[in-house]
Amino acid sequence: MKEQTVFEIIHNMDKVTNQLIVGWNKMFQEELGVSHILVLGHLAEQGKSRPSDIAKQLGLTPPTLTHLSEKLVQKQLATRLADEHDRRIIYLAITDAGKEAFERANEKGKVLRQQLFDRLTVEETKQLLEIYQKLNEPNE
């Protein structure tokens, strides 16, 4: 078996990613992308957070997070809160509607994961996730 070039690896990774995104968009018809759901997930798990902290934790740029949070606020899935002691500090918090949307997304995500990864064993799926996490770590 010949050794794969980096371009073949990138191409195959892109194909899987695109397949996931297309499947997600077909399945979850609420005009929210994966990044919106990641923000809602962060807020559901961490509670109210400063946008800059969310961006840093999710690996997004501040302008991207501003764009995402604007849509979440418009759809009443998140709200902006001013700090009690320093009104210049703004937090983003999830609303009850946001929690419900996040739960619906998780349910659809489980179905999508089953459809895509059903040909892998539990161990292979775990290894795949570990590999992606390792590849996303900064070089030391």
C-alpha atoms as a PDB file:
ATOM      1  CA  MET A   1       0.000   0.000   0.000  1.00  0.00           C
ATOM      2  CA  LYS A   2       1.456   3.352  -0.997  1.00  0.00           C
ATOM      3  CA  GLU A   3       1.879   6.080   1.571  1.00  0.00           C
ATOM      4  CA  GLN A   4      -0.830   8.739   1.391  1.00  0.00           C
ATOM      5  CA  THR A   5       0.233  12.252   0.586  1.00  0.00           C
ATOM      6  CA  VAL A   6      -0.805  15.080   2.874  1.00  0.00           C
ATOM      7  CA  PHE A   7      -3.136  16.221   0.092  1.00  0.00           C
ATOM      8  CA  GLU A   8      -4.973  12.888   0.035  1.00  0.00           C
ATOM      9  CA  ILE A   9      -5.343  13.062   3.819  1.00  0.00           C
ATOM     10  CA  ILE A  10      -6.651  16.643   3.693  1.00  0.00           C
ATOM     11  CA  HIS A  11      -9.022  15.760   0.852  1.00  0.00           C
ATOM     12  CA  ASN A  12     -10.472  12.795   2.740  1.00  0.00           C
ATOM     13  CA  MET A  13     -10.816  14.795   5.957  1.00  0.00           C
ATOM     14  CA  ASP A  14     -12.602  17.550   4.005  1.00  0.00           C
ATOM     15  CA  LYS A  15     -14.976  15.040   2.424  1.00  0.00           C
ATOM     16  CA  VAL A  16     -15.983  13.669   5.829  1.00  0.00           C
ATOM     17  CA  THR A  17     -16.368  17.172   7.269  1.00  0.00           C
ATOM     18  CA  ASN A  18     -18.471  18.303   4.305  1.00  0.00           C
ATOM     19  CA  GLN A  19     -20.617  15.178   4.583  1.00  0.00           C
ATOM     20  CA  LEU A  20     -21.231  15.989   8.256  1.00  0.00           C
ATOM     21  CA  ILE A  21     -22.088  19.635   7.566  1.00  0.00           C
ATOM     22  CA  VAL A  22     -24.448  18.805   4.695  1.00  0.00           C
ATOM     23  CA  GLY A  23     -26.113  16.115   6.802  1.00  0.00           C
ATOM     24  CA  TRP A  24     -26.411  18.528   9.724  1.00  0.00           C
ATOM     25  CA  ASN A  25     -27.974  21.271   7.607  1.00  0.00           C
ATOM     26  CA  LYS A  26     -30.518  18.844   6.129  1.00  0.00           C
ATOM     27  CA  MET A  27     -31.399  17.394   9.503  1.00  0.00           C
ATOM     28  CA  PHE A  28     -31.502  20.487  11.731  1.00  0.00           C
ATOM     29  CA  GLN A  29     -33.744  23.010  10.025  1.00  0.00           C
ATOM     30  CA  GLU A  30     -33.501  25.854  12.538  1.00  0.00           C
ATOM     31  CA  GLU A  31     -31.084  28.112  10.633  1.00  0.00           C
ATOM     32  CA  LEU A  32     -28.320  27.436  13.136  1.00  0.00           C
ATOM     33  CA  GLY A  33     -24.913  26.183  12.164  1.00  0.00           C
ATOM     34  CA  VAL A  34     -22.542  23.988  14.086  1.00  0.00           C
ATOM     35  CA  SER A  35     -20.747  27.034  15.535  1.00  0.00           C
ATOM     36  CA  HIS A  36     -24.012  28.410  16.943  1.00  0.00           C
ATOM     37  CA  ILE A  37     -24.641  25.085  18.664  1.00  0.00           C
ATOM     38  CA  LEU A  38     -21.090  25.064  20.042  1.00  0.00           C
ATOM     39  CA  VAL A  39     -21.712  28.494  21.598  1.00  0.00           C
ATOM     40  CA  LEU A  40     -25.025  27.326  23.078  1.00  0.00           C
ATOM     41  CA  GLY A  41     -23.287  24.214  24.400  1.00  0.00           C
ATOM     42  CA  HIS A  42     -20.595  26.329  26.037  1.00  0.00           C
ATOM     43  CA  LEU A  43     -23.224  28.515  27.687  1.00  0.00           C
ATOM     44  CA  ALA A  44     -25.271  25.492  28.786  1.00  0.00           C
ATOM     45  CA  GLU A  45     -22.218  23.913  30.435  1.00  0.00           C
ATOM     46  CA  GLN A  46     -20.304  26.953  31.708  1.00  0.00           C
ATOM     47  CA  GLY A  47     -23.105  29.423  32.406  1.00  0.00           C
ATOM     48  CA  LYS A  48     -22.903  33.094  31.499  1.00  0.00           C
ATOM     49  CA  SER A  49     -19.563  33.939  29.934  1.00  0.00           C
ATOM     50  CA  ARG A  50     -17.714  36.857  28.435  1.00  0.00           C
ATOM     51  CA  PRO A  51     -17.684  36.627  24.638  1.00  0.00           C
ATOM     52  CA  SER A  52     -13.894  36.865  24.567  1.00  0.00           C
ATOM     53  CA  ASP A  53     -13.654  33.825  26.861  1.00  0.00           C
ATOM     54  CA  ILE A  54     -16.086  31.854  24.701  1.00  0.00           C
ATOM     55  CA  ALA A  55     -14.136  32.743  21.548  1.00  0.00           C
ATOM     56  CA  LYS A  56     -10.858  31.677  23.122  1.00  0.00           C
ATOM     57  CA  GLN A  57     -12.226  28.385  24.431  1.00  0.00           C
ATOM     58  CA  LEU A  58     -13.891  27.467  21.134  1.00  0.00           C
ATOM     59  CA  GLY A  59     -10.992  28.645  18.972  1.00  0.00           C
ATOM     60  CA  LEU A  60     -13.030  31.358  17.257  1.00  0.00           C
ATOM     61  CA  THR A  61     -12.068  34.931  16.468  1.00  0.00           C
ATOM     62  CA  PRO A  62     -13.840  37.671  18.459  1.00  0.00           C
ATOM     63  CA  PRO A  63     -15.553  39.049  15.313  1.00  0.00           C
ATOM     64  CA  THR A  64     -16.850  35.559  14.494  1.00  0.00           C
ATOM     65  CA  LEU A  65     -18.230  35.191  18.002  1.00  0.00           C
ATOM     66  CA  THR A  66     -19.858  38.620  17.745  1.00  0.00           C
ATOM     67  CA  HIS A  67     -21.604  37.512  14.540  1.00  0.00           C
ATOM     68  CA  LEU A  68     -22.714  34.193  16.082  1.00  0.00           C
ATOM     69  CA  SER A  69     -23.942  35.774  19.305  1.00  0.00           C
ATOM     70  CA  GLU A  70     -25.907  38.426  17.398  1.00  0.00           C
ATOM     71  CA  LYS A  71     -27.937  35.729  15.666  1.00  0.00           C
ATOM     72  CA  LEU A  72     -28.433  33.823  18.942  1.00  0.00           C
ATOM     73  CA  VAL A  73     -29.690  37.004  20.641  1.00  0.00           C
ATOM     74  CA  GLN A  74     -31.979  37.848  17.685  1.00  0.00           C
ATOM     75  CA  LYS A  75     -33.475  34.356  17.845  1.00  0.00           C
ATOM     76  CA  GLN A  76     -33.849  34.765  21.648  1.00  0.00           C
ATOM     77  CA  LEU A  77     -31.647  31.732  22.277  1.00  0.00           C
ATOM     78  CA  ALA A  78     -29.133  33.828  24.228  1.00  0.00           C
ATOM     79  CA  THR A  79     -29.174  37.162  25.960  1.00  0.00           C
ATOM     80  CA  ARG A  80     -26.598  39.801  26.827  1.00  0.00           C
ATOM     81  CA  LEU A  81     -26.154  40.707  30.486  1.00  0.00           C
ATOM     82  CA  ALA A  82     -24.186  43.625  31.922  1.00  0.00           C
ATOM     83  CA  ASP A  83     -21.887  42.955  34.866  1.00  0.00           C
ATOM     84  CA  GLU A  84     -23.400  44.176  38.149  1.00  0.00           C
ATOM     85  CA  HIS A  85     -20.216  45.980  39.190  1.00  0.00           C
ATOM     86  CA  ASP A  86     -18.804  47.113  35.857  1.00  0.00           C
ATOM     87  CA  ARG A  87     -21.382  47.920  33.181  1.00  0.00           C
ATOM     88  CA  ARG A  88     -18.645  47.861  30.517  1.00  0.00           C
ATOM     89  CA  ILE A  89     -18.368  44.084  30.922  1.00  0.00           C
ATOM     90  CA  ILE A  90     -20.996  42.193  28.957  1.00  0.00           C
ATOM     91  CA  TYR A  91     -21.809  38.513  29.370  1.00  0.00           C
ATOM     92  CA  LEU A  92     -23.646  36.160  27.075  1.00  0.00           C
ATOM     93  CA  ALA A  93     -26.126  33.771  28.719  1.00  0.00           C
ATOM     94  CA  ILE A  94     -28.329  31.019  27.350  1.00  0.00           C
ATOM     95  CA  THR A  95     -32.113  31.392  27.565  1.00  0.00           C
ATOM     96  CA  ASP A  96     -34.648  28.619  28.173  1.00  0.00           C
ATOM     97  CA  ALA A  97     -35.371  28.620  24.431  1.00  0.00           C
ATOM     98  CA  GLY A  98     -31.615  28.283  23.841  1.00  0.00           C
ATOM     99  CA  LYS A  99     -31.448  25.281  26.170  1.00  0.00           C
ATOM    100  CA  GLU A 100     -34.328  23.667  24.276  1.00  0.00           C
ATOM    101  CA  ALA A 101     -32.645  24.347  20.910  1.00  0.00           C
ATOM    102  CA  PHE A 102     -29.399  22.865  22.250  1.00  0.00           C
ATOM    103  CA  GLU A 103     -31.246  19.728  23.376  1.00  0.00           C
ATOM    104  CA  ARG A 104     -32.922  19.370  19.955  1.00  0.00           C
ATOM    105  CA  ALA A 105     -29.541  19.804  18.300  1.00  0.00           C
ATOM    106  CA  ASN A 106     -28.037  17.113  20.519  1.00  0.00           C
ATOM    107  CA  GLU A 107     -30.811  14.687  19.586  1.00  0.00           C
ATOM    108  CA  LYS A 108     -30.287  15.350  15.868  1.00  0.00           C
ATOM    109  CA  GLY A 109     -26.535  15.126  16.392  1.00  0.00           C
ATOM    110  CA  LYS A 110     -26.888  11.634  17.859  1.00  0.00           C
ATOM    111  CA  VAL A 111     -28.818  10.511  14.792  1.00  0.00           C
ATOM    112  CA  LEU A 112     -26.236  12.067  12.446  1.00  0.00           C
ATOM    113  CA  ARG A 113     -23.381  10.457  14.371  1.00  0.00           C
ATOM    114  CA  GLN A 114     -25.076   7.065  14.120  1.00  0.00           C
ATOM    115  CA  GLN A 115     -25.615   7.468  10.387  1.00  0.00           C
ATOM    116  CA  LEU A 116     -22.046   8.460   9.689  1.00  0.00           C
ATOM    117  CA  PHE A 117     -20.123   6.378  12.198  1.00  0.00           C
ATOM    118  CA  ASP A 118     -22.236   3.231  12.336  1.00  0.00           C
ATOM    119  CA  ARG A 119     -19.624   1.387  10.274  1.00  0.00           C
ATOM    120  CA  LEU A 120     -16.980   2.096  12.931  1.00  0.00           C
ATOM    121  CA  THR A 121     -16.641   0.235  16.193  1.00  0.00           C
ATOM    122  CA  VAL A 122     -16.950   2.144  19.460  1.00  0.00           C
ATOM    123  CA  GLU A 123     -13.174   1.828  19.830  1.00  0.00           C
ATOM    124  CA  GLU A 124     -12.540   3.198  16.310  1.00  0.00           C
ATOM    125  CA  THR A 125     -14.841   6.153  16.979  1.00  0.00           C
ATOM    126  CA  LYS A 126     -12.987   6.859  20.238  1.00  0.00           C
ATOM    127  CA  GLN A 127      -9.632   6.623  18.434  1.00  0.00           C
ATOM    128  CA  LEU A 128     -10.837   8.979  15.688  1.00  0.00           C
ATOM    129  CA  LEU A 129     -11.837  11.589  18.249  1.00  0.00           C
ATOM    130  CA  GLU A 130      -8.516  11.217  20.079  1.00  0.00           C
ATOM    131  CA  ILE A 131      -6.628  11.616  16.800  1.00  0.00           C
ATOM    132  CA  TYR A 132      -8.506  14.815  15.904  1.00  0.00           C
ATOM    133  CA  GLN A 133      -7.951  16.196  19.387  1.00  0.00           C
ATOM    134  CA  LYS A 134      -4.238  15.394  19.177  1.00  0.00           C
ATOM    135  CA  LEU A 135      -3.955  17.014  15.737  1.00  0.00           C
ATOM    136  CA  ASN A 136      -5.671  20.142  17.089  1.00  0.00           C
ATOM    137  CA  GLU A 137      -3.223  20.542  19.990  1.00  0.00           C
ATOM    138  CA  PRO A 138      -0.586  23.219  19.486  1.00  0.00           C
ATOM    139  CA  ASN A 139       2.889  21.990  18.521  1.00  0.00           C
ATOM    140  CA  GLU A 140       5.322  22.122  21.372  1.00  0.00           C
END
